[in-house]
Amino acid sequence: MAAGRLPVHSDVMSDSGHGSYYWCLRHHRVETEADKCPAKFVLGPYPSAAAAENALQTVQDRNEAWEAEDARWAGEDR
């Protein structure tokens, strides 16, 4: 690794938005970088339109997993 450079952990960070898809909470649709609403209205970026379309399910699944992990740490049964 060259001095002064940090390793890149994701191609998405260096992608400049090409191939990025978002789920718009205001319009309930998949949007691209070209037609994306302001950041406060979108989830993403996602690598595909299908992944963006499933954004709300992804959020729900992650929240449930985090809540279960929190309960496990607190010693609660779930």
N, C-alpha and C. Protein backbone atom coordinates (compact mmCIF):
# COMPACT_ATOMS: atom_id res chain seq x y z
N MET A 1 0.86 -1.18 0.00
CA MET A 1 0.00 0.00 0.00
C MET A 1 0.90 1.23 0.00
N ALA A 2 0.59 2.19 -0.85
CA ALA A 2 1.39 3.41 -0.94
C ALA A 2 1.19 4.26 0.30
N ALA A 3 2.25 4.95 0.70
CA ALA A 3 2.17 5.82 1.87
C ALA A 3 1.11 6.89 1.66
N GLY A 4 0.32 7.13 2.68
CA GLY A 4 -0.69 8.18 2.62
C GLY A 4 -2.01 7.74 2.00
N ARG A 5 -2.11 6.51 1.53
CA ARG A 5 -3.36 6.03 0.93
C ARG A 5 -4.05 5.07 1.88
N LEU A 6 -5.35 5.17 1.95
CA LEU A 6 -6.13 4.27 2.78
C LEU A 6 -6.68 3.15 1.91
N PRO A 7 -6.81 1.96 2.46
CA PRO A 7 -7.38 0.87 1.67
C PRO A 7 -8.86 1.14 1.40
N VAL A 8 -9.33 0.72 0.24
CA VAL A 8 -10.74 0.87 -0.13
C VAL A 8 -11.43 -0.44 0.18
N HIS A 9 -12.51 -0.37 0.94
CA HIS A 9 -13.24 -1.57 1.33
C HIS A 9 -14.44 -1.83 0.45
N SER A 10 -14.80 -0.90 -0.41
CA SER A 10 -15.99 -1.07 -1.23
C SER A 10 -15.83 -0.33 -2.54
N ASP A 11 -16.16 -1.00 -3.62
CA ASP A 11 -16.15 -0.34 -4.92
C ASP A 11 -17.23 0.74 -5.01
N VAL A 12 -18.31 0.57 -4.24
CA VAL A 12 -19.40 1.53 -4.26
C VAL A 12 -18.90 2.92 -3.88
N MET A 13 -17.96 2.99 -2.94
CA MET A 13 -17.47 4.29 -2.50
C MET A 13 -16.73 5.03 -3.61
N SER A 14 -16.11 4.30 -4.51
CA SER A 14 -15.34 4.94 -5.57
C SER A 14 -16.07 4.91 -6.91
N ASP A 15 -17.33 4.56 -6.92
CA ASP A 15 -18.08 4.35 -8.14
C ASP A 15 -18.64 5.63 -8.74
N SER A 16 -18.65 6.73 -8.04
CA SER A 16 -19.20 7.99 -8.51
C SER A 16 -20.68 7.89 -8.88
N GLY A 17 -21.39 6.94 -8.28
CA GLY A 17 -22.83 6.85 -8.49
C GLY A 17 -23.27 6.03 -9.67
N HIS A 18 -22.37 5.54 -10.51
CA HIS A 18 -22.78 4.73 -11.66
C HIS A 18 -23.32 3.40 -11.18
N GLY A 19 -24.51 3.03 -11.67
CA GLY A 19 -25.10 1.78 -11.28
C GLY A 19 -25.71 1.79 -9.90
N SER A 20 -25.95 2.97 -9.34
CA SER A 20 -26.56 3.05 -8.01
C SER A 20 -28.06 3.26 -8.14
N TYR A 21 -28.79 2.54 -7.29
CA TYR A 21 -30.24 2.63 -7.27
C TYR A 21 -30.69 2.98 -5.86
N TYR A 22 -31.80 3.67 -5.77
CA TYR A 22 -32.33 4.16 -4.49
C TYR A 22 -33.81 3.85 -4.41
N TRP A 23 -34.31 3.69 -3.18
CA TRP A 23 -35.75 3.57 -2.97
C TRP A 23 -36.24 4.90 -2.44
N CYS A 24 -37.17 5.53 -3.15
CA CYS A 24 -37.72 6.83 -2.76
C CYS A 24 -38.90 6.61 -1.81
N LEU A 25 -38.78 7.14 -0.60
CA LEU A 25 -39.84 7.02 0.40
C LEU A 25 -41.01 7.93 0.09
N ARG A 26 -40.78 8.95 -0.69
CA ARG A 26 -41.83 9.89 -1.05
C ARG A 26 -42.68 9.38 -2.22
N HIS A 27 -42.02 8.83 -3.23
CA HIS A 27 -42.72 8.39 -4.44
C HIS A 27 -42.96 6.88 -4.50
N HIS A 28 -42.38 6.14 -3.54
CA HIS A 28 -42.53 4.68 -3.48
C HIS A 28 -42.12 4.03 -4.80
N ARG A 29 -40.90 4.36 -5.23
CA ARG A 29 -40.38 3.81 -6.48
C ARG A 29 -38.85 3.77 -6.43
N VAL A 30 -38.29 2.99 -7.35
CA VAL A 30 -36.84 2.94 -7.52
C VAL A 30 -36.42 4.15 -8.32
N GLU A 31 -35.36 4.80 -7.88
CA GLU A 31 -34.80 5.95 -8.60
C GLU A 31 -33.31 5.72 -8.83
N THR A 32 -32.80 6.38 -9.85
CA THR A 32 -31.37 6.30 -10.15
C THR A 32 -30.73 7.63 -9.81
N GLU A 33 -29.43 7.69 -9.97
CA GLU A 33 -28.70 8.93 -9.71
C GLU A 33 -29.25 10.07 -10.57
N ALA A 34 -29.72 9.75 -11.76
CA ALA A 34 -30.21 10.77 -12.68
C ALA A 34 -31.54 11.40 -12.25
N ASP A 35 -32.37 10.64 -11.52
CA ASP A 35 -33.69 11.16 -11.15
C ASP A 35 -33.97 11.07 -9.65
N LYS A 36 -32.92 10.98 -8.86
CA LYS A 36 -33.04 10.75 -7.42
C LYS A 36 -33.56 11.99 -6.69
N CYS A 37 -34.48 11.74 -5.76
CA CYS A 37 -34.96 12.80 -4.87
C CYS A 37 -33.85 13.15 -3.86
N PRO A 38 -34.03 14.23 -3.11
CA PRO A 38 -33.03 14.58 -2.09
C PRO A 38 -32.79 13.42 -1.11
N ALA A 39 -31.60 13.39 -0.55
CA ALA A 39 -31.17 12.28 0.31
C ALA A 39 -32.14 12.01 1.47
N LYS A 40 -32.80 13.03 1.98
CA LYS A 40 -33.70 12.80 3.12
C LYS A 40 -34.92 11.95 2.74
N PHE A 41 -35.14 11.73 1.44
CA PHE A 41 -36.29 10.96 0.98
C PHE A 41 -35.92 9.58 0.44
N VAL A 42 -34.64 9.21 0.40
CA VAL A 42 -34.27 7.96 -0.24
C VAL A 42 -33.47 7.05 0.68
N LEU A 43 -33.57 5.75 0.41
CA LEU A 43 -32.73 4.73 1.03
C LEU A 43 -31.78 4.24 -0.04
N GLY A 44 -30.55 4.01 0.34
CA GLY A 44 -29.59 3.50 -0.64
C GLY A 44 -28.28 4.25 -0.53
N PRO A 45 -27.38 3.98 -1.41
CA PRO A 45 -27.57 3.30 -2.70
C PRO A 45 -27.56 1.78 -2.57
N TYR A 46 -28.19 1.15 -3.55
CA TYR A 46 -28.22 -0.29 -3.69
C TYR A 46 -27.59 -0.66 -5.03
N PRO A 47 -27.03 -1.86 -5.13
CA PRO A 47 -26.31 -2.24 -6.35
C PRO A 47 -27.21 -2.58 -7.54
N SER A 48 -28.50 -2.81 -7.28
CA SER A 48 -29.41 -3.16 -8.37
C SER A 48 -30.79 -2.56 -8.10
N ALA A 49 -31.58 -2.48 -9.15
CA ALA A 49 -32.95 -1.98 -9.00
C ALA A 49 -33.76 -2.93 -8.11
N ALA A 50 -33.52 -4.23 -8.24
CA ALA A 50 -34.24 -5.21 -7.42
C ALA A 50 -33.92 -5.03 -5.94
N ALA A 51 -32.66 -4.80 -5.63
CA ALA A 51 -32.27 -4.58 -4.23
C ALA A 51 -32.92 -3.31 -3.69
N ALA A 52 -32.97 -2.27 -4.50
CA ALA A 52 -33.61 -1.02 -4.08
C ALA A 52 -35.10 -1.23 -3.87
N GLU A 53 -35.71 -2.01 -4.73
CA GLU A 53 -37.15 -2.28 -4.62
C GLU A 53 -37.47 -3.03 -3.32
N ASN A 54 -36.53 -3.79 -2.82
CA ASN A 54 -36.71 -4.54 -1.57
C ASN A 54 -36.15 -3.82 -0.36
N ALA A 55 -35.89 -2.54 -0.47
CA ALA A 55 -35.24 -1.76 0.59
C ALA A 55 -36.02 -1.80 1.90
N LEU A 56 -37.32 -1.66 1.84
CA LEU A 56 -38.11 -1.64 3.09
C LEU A 56 -38.06 -2.98 3.80
N GLN A 57 -38.06 -4.07 3.04
CA GLN A 57 -37.93 -5.40 3.65
C GLN A 57 -36.55 -5.57 4.25
N THR A 58 -35.53 -5.07 3.56
CA THR A 58 -34.16 -5.13 4.08
C THR A 58 -34.06 -4.38 5.40
N VAL A 59 -34.66 -3.19 5.46
CA VAL A 59 -34.65 -2.40 6.69
C VAL A 59 -35.35 -3.18 7.81
N GLN A 60 -36.51 -3.75 7.52
CA GLN A 60 -37.25 -4.50 8.53
C GLN A 60 -36.44 -5.70 9.02
N ASP A 61 -35.83 -6.44 8.10
CA ASP A 61 -35.03 -7.61 8.48
C ASP A 61 -33.85 -7.21 9.36
N ARG A 62 -33.18 -6.13 8.99
CA ARG A 62 -32.02 -5.67 9.78
C ARG A 62 -32.45 -5.20 11.16
N ASN A 63 -33.56 -4.48 11.23
CA ASN A 63 -34.04 -4.01 12.54
C ASN A 63 -34.38 -5.18 13.45
N GLU A 64 -35.04 -6.20 12.90
CA GLU A 64 -35.38 -7.38 13.69
C GLU A 64 -34.13 -8.09 14.18
N ALA A 65 -33.13 -8.20 13.31
CA ALA A 65 -31.88 -8.85 13.71
C ALA A 65 -31.18 -8.05 14.80
N TRP A 66 -31.16 -6.73 14.67
CA TRP A 66 -30.52 -5.89 15.68
C TRP A 66 -31.26 -5.95 17.01
N GLU A 67 -32.60 -5.97 16.96
CA GLU A 67 -33.38 -6.07 18.18
C GLU A 67 -33.14 -7.41 18.88
N ALA A 68 -33.05 -8.48 18.11
CA ALA A 68 -32.77 -9.80 18.68
C ALA A 68 -31.38 -9.81 19.30
N GLU A 69 -30.41 -9.19 18.63
CA GLU A 69 -29.05 -9.12 19.18
C GLU A 69 -29.02 -8.30 20.46
N ASP A 70 -29.75 -7.17 20.47
CA ASP A 70 -29.83 -6.36 21.69
C ASP A 70 -30.44 -7.17 22.84
N ALA A 71 -31.50 -7.93 22.54
CA ALA A 71 -32.14 -8.73 23.57
C ALA A 71 -31.19 -9.80 24.09
N ARG A 72 -30.43 -10.41 23.16
CA ARG A 72 -29.47 -11.43 23.57
C ARG A 72 -28.42 -10.83 24.50
N TRP A 73 -27.92 -9.64 24.16
CA TRP A 73 -26.93 -8.98 25.01
C TRP A 73 -27.51 -8.63 26.38
N ALA A 74 -28.80 -8.30 26.40
CA ALA A 74 -29.44 -7.92 27.66
C ALA A 74 -29.88 -9.15 28.46
N GLY A 75 -29.72 -10.35 27.88
CA GLY A 75 -30.08 -11.58 28.57
C GLY A 75 -31.55 -11.90 28.49
N GLU A 76 -32.26 -11.29 27.57
CA GLU A 76 -33.69 -11.55 27.39
C GLU A 76 -33.88 -12.69 26.40
N ASP A 77 -34.94 -13.45 26.58
CA ASP A 77 -35.28 -14.51 25.61
C ASP A 77 -36.15 -13.91 24.52
N ARG A 78 -35.88 -14.34 23.31
CA ARG A 78 -36.71 -13.91 22.16
C ARG A 78 -37.16 -15.10 21.41
